[in-house]
Protein backbone atom coordinates (compact mmCIF):
# COMPACT_ATOMS: atom_id res chain seq x y z
CA ASP A 1 0.35 -17.41 -4.34
CA ILE A 2 1.05 -20.71 -6.54
CA ALA A 3 -0.56 -18.66 -9.85
CA PHE A 4 2.17 -15.75 -9.01
CA HIS A 5 5.34 -17.17 -8.71
CA THR A 6 8.13 -19.73 -9.96
CA ILE A 7 8.54 -22.82 -8.21
CA ARG A 8 11.77 -21.39 -6.58
CA ASP A 9 9.99 -18.70 -5.83
CA PHE A 10 6.81 -20.33 -4.13
CA SER A 11 9.20 -23.35 -2.50
CA ARG A 12 11.63 -20.57 -0.85
CA ARG A 13 7.91 -18.65 0.66
CA ALA A 14 6.61 -21.77 1.35
CA GLY A 15 9.86 -22.99 3.42
CA VAL A 16 10.57 -26.28 1.80
CA SER A 17 12.66 -27.38 -1.47
CA PRO A 18 11.78 -27.55 -5.21
CA ALA A 19 11.65 -30.78 -5.37
CA SER A 20 9.17 -31.37 -2.53
CA THR A 21 6.81 -28.61 -4.54
CA LEU A 22 7.28 -30.49 -7.86
CA ARG A 23 5.62 -33.51 -5.33
CA MET A 24 2.93 -31.76 -3.97
CA ALA A 25 2.02 -30.79 -8.01
CA ARG A 26 2.26 -34.58 -9.35
CA VAL A 27 0.28 -35.30 -6.06
CA PHE A 28 -2.82 -33.28 -7.79
CA GLY A 29 -2.29 -34.96 -11.00
CA PHE A 30 -0.11 -32.30 -12.77
CA LYS A 31 3.05 -33.20 -14.67
CA GLY A 32 5.08 -30.58 -13.71
CA TYR A 33 5.11 -27.44 -11.58
CA ARG A 34 4.40 -25.24 -14.61
CA ASP A 35 0.88 -27.44 -15.43
CA PHE A 36 -0.29 -26.70 -12.23
CA ARG A 37 0.23 -23.06 -11.90
CA ASP A 38 -1.22 -22.52 -15.41
CA ALA A 39 -4.39 -24.16 -14.32
CA VAL A 40 -4.04 -22.46 -10.77
CA GLN A 41 -4.46 -18.99 -13.17
CA ARG A 42 -7.02 -20.18 -15.37
CA ARG A 43 -8.90 -20.83 -12.33
CA LEU A 44 -8.55 -17.19 -11.13
CA ILE A 45 -9.27 -16.01 -14.67
CA THR A 46 -12.64 -17.90 -15.30
CA ALA A 47 -14.04 -18.33 -11.81
CA PRO A 48 -17.83 -18.14 -11.42
CA GLY A 49 -19.44 -15.09 -9.66
CA PRO A 50 -18.41 -11.67 -10.14
CA SER A 51 -14.89 -9.99 -9.86
CA PRO A 52 -13.83 -9.86 -6.61
CA ILE A 53 -12.73 -6.25 -7.84
CA ARG A 54 -16.54 -5.24 -8.79
CA ALA A 55 -17.87 -6.45 -6.25
CA GLY A 56 -17.99 -4.21 -3.88
CA LYS A 57 -15.77 -1.46 -1.94
CA THR A 58 -15.13 -4.01 0.91
CA PHE A 59 -13.07 -6.41 -1.65
CA ALA A 60 -11.30 -3.78 -3.50
CA ALA A 61 -8.66 -3.69 -1.06
CA ASP A 62 -8.34 -7.07 -0.72
CA SER A 63 -7.92 -8.21 -4.29
CA LEU A 64 -5.72 -5.32 -4.90
CA LEU A 65 -3.77 -6.58 -1.66
CA SER A 66 -3.51 -10.20 -3.15
CA CYS A 67 -3.18 -9.95 -6.89
CA PHE A 68 -0.53 -8.12 -6.86
CA CYS A 69 1.43 -10.42 -3.99
CA SER A 70 2.16 -6.80 -1.55
CA VAL A 71 0.60 -9.25 0.93
CA PRO A 72 0.40 -13.06 1.15
CA ALA A 73 -2.51 -14.45 1.04
CA ARG A 74 -2.33 -16.09 4.97
CA GLU A 75 -1.08 -13.05 6.31
CA LEU A 76 -4.46 -10.81 4.71
CA SER A 77 -6.76 -11.08 7.71
CA ARG A 78 -4.09 -9.98 9.87
CA PHE A 79 -3.21 -6.97 7.60
CA ASN A 80 -6.51 -6.05 7.15
CA ALA A 81 -7.43 -5.44 11.01
CA LYS A 82 -4.43 -3.31 11.03
CA LEU A 83 -5.19 -1.33 7.82
CA ASP A 84 -8.41 -0.75 9.19
CA ALA A 85 -6.61 0.73 12.57
CA VAL A 86 -4.68 2.85 10.31
CA THR A 87 -8.15 3.90 8.72
CA ASP A 88 -9.53 4.79 12.04
CA GLN A 89 -6.43 6.94 12.87
CA ILE A 90 -6.36 8.81 9.34
CA LEU A 91 -10.15 9.70 10.08
CA ALA A 92 -9.94 10.55 13.61
CA ALA A 93 -6.92 12.95 12.72
CA ARG A 94 -7.39 17.15 12.34
CA ALA A 95 -4.39 16.95 9.33
CA ILE A 96 -2.26 14.20 7.74
CA TYR A 97 1.47 14.93 6.78
CA VAL A 98 3.19 12.35 4.26
CA VAL A 99 6.46 12.46 4.09
CA GLY A 100 9.07 10.69 1.33
CA PHE A 101 12.40 11.64 0.75
CA ARG A 102 14.63 10.99 -2.62
CA SER A 103 12.70 7.92 -4.92
CA ALA A 104 9.66 7.99 -2.17
CA HIS A 105 9.04 11.36 -2.49
CA LEU A 106 7.30 10.72 -5.74
CA PHE A 107 5.23 7.95 -3.56
CA ALA A 108 3.95 10.29 -1.24
CA ARG A 109 2.81 13.13 -3.86
CA TYR A 110 0.94 10.41 -5.38
CA PHE A 111 -0.90 8.70 -2.77
CA VAL A 112 -1.25 12.96 -1.71
CA TYR A 113 -2.82 13.72 -5.06
CA HIS A 114 -5.51 10.74 -4.52
CA ALA A 115 -6.60 11.22 -0.91
CA GLN A 116 -6.82 15.15 -1.87
CA MET A 117 -9.50 14.67 -3.71
CA ALA A 118 -11.79 13.49 -0.49
CA MET A 119 -9.80 14.11 2.13
CA PRO A 120 -8.45 17.91 2.00
CA ASN A 121 -6.63 17.38 5.44
CA PHE A 122 -3.69 15.41 4.07
CA HIS A 123 -0.49 17.50 3.04
CA LEU A 124 2.80 16.57 1.45
CA ALA A 125 5.48 17.56 3.36
CA SER A 126 8.77 18.70 1.31
CA SER A 127 11.58 15.93 -0.34
CA ALA A 128 14.54 18.51 1.51
CA MET A 129 14.70 17.59 5.30
CA SER A 130 14.69 21.22 6.38
CA SER A 131 11.51 21.51 4.23
CA ALA A 132 10.28 19.17 5.87
CA THR A 133 10.64 20.32 9.21
CA ASP A 134 9.33 23.07 8.72
CA HIS A 135 5.96 21.76 6.95
CA LEU A 136 5.93 19.45 10.39
CA ALA A 137 7.01 22.23 13.29
CA SER A 138 3.10 22.77 14.06
CA ALA A 139 2.70 19.50 14.00
CA ASP A 140 1.01 17.61 17.15
CA ARG A 141 -0.67 14.97 18.70
CA ASN A 142 -3.59 15.79 17.09
CA ASP A 143 -2.47 15.17 13.70
CA LEU A 144 -0.51 12.27 12.02
CA VAL A 145 2.62 11.63 9.96
CA ILE A 146 2.88 9.19 7.40
CA PHE A 147 6.07 8.01 5.75
CA PHE A 148 6.92 6.11 2.55
CA SER A 149 10.16 4.78 2.86
CA MET A 150 12.02 1.59 1.07
CA GLU A 151 15.45 0.17 1.36
CA PRO A 152 17.56 1.67 1.44
CA TYR A 153 16.16 3.84 4.19
CA ALA A 154 16.95 7.09 3.42
CA THR A 155 18.42 8.95 6.60
CA GLU A 156 16.15 11.31 6.76
CA ALA A 157 13.23 9.53 7.22
CA VAL A 158 14.79 7.80 9.86
CA GLN A 159 15.93 10.63 11.86
CA LEU A 160 13.05 12.96 11.33
CA ALA A 161 10.36 9.63 12.94
CA PHE A 162 12.73 9.11 15.86
CA PHE A 163 12.11 12.91 16.26
CA LEU A 164 8.80 12.78 15.93
CA ALA A 165 8.02 10.01 18.62
CA ASN A 166 9.84 11.59 20.93
CA GLN A 167 7.32 14.57 20.37
CA ASN A 168 4.44 11.65 21.05
CA ILE A 169 3.23 12.72 17.05
CA THR A 170 1.45 9.68 15.57
CA THR A 171 3.43 8.10 13.06
CA ILE A 172 2.36 5.22 10.34
CA ALA A 173 5.11 3.96 8.12
CA ILE A 174 4.76 2.32 4.84
CA THR A 175 7.73 0.17 4.37
CA ASP A 176 9.41 -3.20 3.07
CA ASN A 177 10.33 -4.53 6.54
CA ALA A 178 8.72 -4.01 9.88
CA HIS A 179 12.16 -4.23 11.46
CA SER A 180 13.43 -1.76 9.91
CA PRO A 181 15.06 1.34 11.57
CA LEU A 182 12.23 3.19 10.25
CA ALA A 183 9.66 1.39 11.15
CA GLU A 184 10.84 0.60 14.75
CA ARG A 185 10.48 4.13 15.28
CA CYS A 186 7.21 4.40 13.92
CA ASP A 187 4.05 3.80 15.89
CA GLN A 188 1.76 1.14 13.63
CA VAL A 189 3.73 -0.45 10.35
CA LEU A 190 2.14 -1.15 7.03
CA GLU A 191 4.48 -4.03 5.65
CA THR A 192 4.56 -4.84 1.85
CA LYS A 193 6.65 -7.14 -0.09
CA ARG A 194 8.90 -5.60 -2.58
CA LEU A 195 9.92 -8.38 -5.49
CA ARG A 196 12.93 -8.21 -8.08
CA VAL A 197 12.06 -7.41 -11.39
CA GLY A 198 15.26 -8.40 -13.55
CA GLN A 199 17.44 -5.56 -12.37
CA LEU A 200 14.57 -3.08 -10.61
CA GLN A 201 13.21 -3.74 -7.14
CA SER A 202 10.08 -3.61 -7.98
CA MET A 203 7.85 -0.62 -6.21
CA ALA A 204 3.84 -2.32 -6.96
CA GLY A 205 3.53 -3.36 -3.22
CA CYS A 206 3.98 0.01 -2.03
CA ILE A 207 1.69 1.68 -4.61
CA THR A 208 -0.93 -1.17 -4.17
CA VAL A 209 -0.97 -1.14 0.06
CA SER A 210 -1.34 2.81 -0.36
CA GLU A 211 -4.23 2.08 -2.56
CA ALA A 212 -6.00 -0.34 -0.80
CA LEU A 213 -5.24 1.92 2.20
CA LEU A 214 -7.22 5.26 0.42
CA SER A 215 -10.06 2.82 -0.50
CA ARG A 216 -10.32 1.48 2.62
CA CYS A 217 -10.72 5.61 3.93
CA PHE A 218 -13.46 6.29 1.10
CA GLU A 219 -15.36 3.08 2.20
CA LYS A 220 -15.81 3.95 5.70
CA MET A 221 -16.07 8.15 4.78
CA GLY A 222 -19.47 6.50 3.20
CA PRO A 223 -21.14 8.51 0.20
CA GLU A 224 -19.18 11.38 1.54
CA ALA A 225 -16.47 10.38 -0.04
CA ASP A 226 -18.04 9.93 -3.34
CA ARG A 227 -19.56 13.06 -3.21
CA ARG A 228 -16.07 15.06 -2.98
CA ILE A 229 -14.65 12.83 -5.34
CA GLY A 230 -17.52 13.88 -7.77
CA GLU A 231 -17.09 17.42 -6.87
CA PHE A 232 -13.46 17.38 -7.50
CA GLU A 233 -13.86 16.11 -11.00
CA HIS A 234 -16.42 18.35 -12.00
CA ARG A 235 -13.51 21.09 -11.11
CA VAL A 236 -11.24 19.99 -13.14
CA ARG A 237 -13.57 19.21 -16.22
CA ARG A 238 -14.57 22.64 -15.68
CA MET A 239 -11.18 23.93 -15.35
CA ARG A 240 -10.29 21.76 -19.19
CA GLY A 241 -7.87 19.47 -17.27
CA TYR A 242 -9.49 16.43 -19.27
CA TRP A 243 -8.95 16.06 -23.21
CA PRO A 244 -10.71 16.72 -25.11
CA PRO A 245 -11.57 20.21 -23.31
CA ALA A 246 -15.53 19.91 -22.28
């Protein structure tokens, strides 16, 4: 984590004072924390062997999650177990509905677009509560509903998750707090860190976790995922969807 954080942020995450972090850096022979962080960054860039992102699909999700600080490195093993469980649920479901209200709808749409390249049973629910309930009216225990929501949590998302729980429909939350009102109503929670970038609350972690989830799904699908994605891209090119037109 040192490569990606200021001394204040790292100390807060480690549960120690900045002075303790500075002493640790000096124990390792560095003049200060910045020298320590620079050395760790150089090590990550120049480490021998192939890039973990290119080493194979098995490591692609790990690289995304750790490099973009979506999941602390010390929690990666536990998170991967949960990611595997959610992946198995997705691949076993008859239909997967993805829900996001307000700004979260954009991330739900992005997620569904990529998922549908290999899994046509993904469906994007409407961004309006009334229409979303229409989309989910036919859902049953064989289906799965994935929620995207970050603080402040949309009232519609919490209410809909509560309703689906009462209907015994499996729900998964991709969110920033495993103890939020939304997460407490869902069967599985994929929690991602949310960092502040200036005046903005970054959504990079949310995107990274969703991409890691899709990566794991495609990996478990094996050659079939590659075939379907290839066919999808071929159809788009044949329709001249990419520049320059073929």
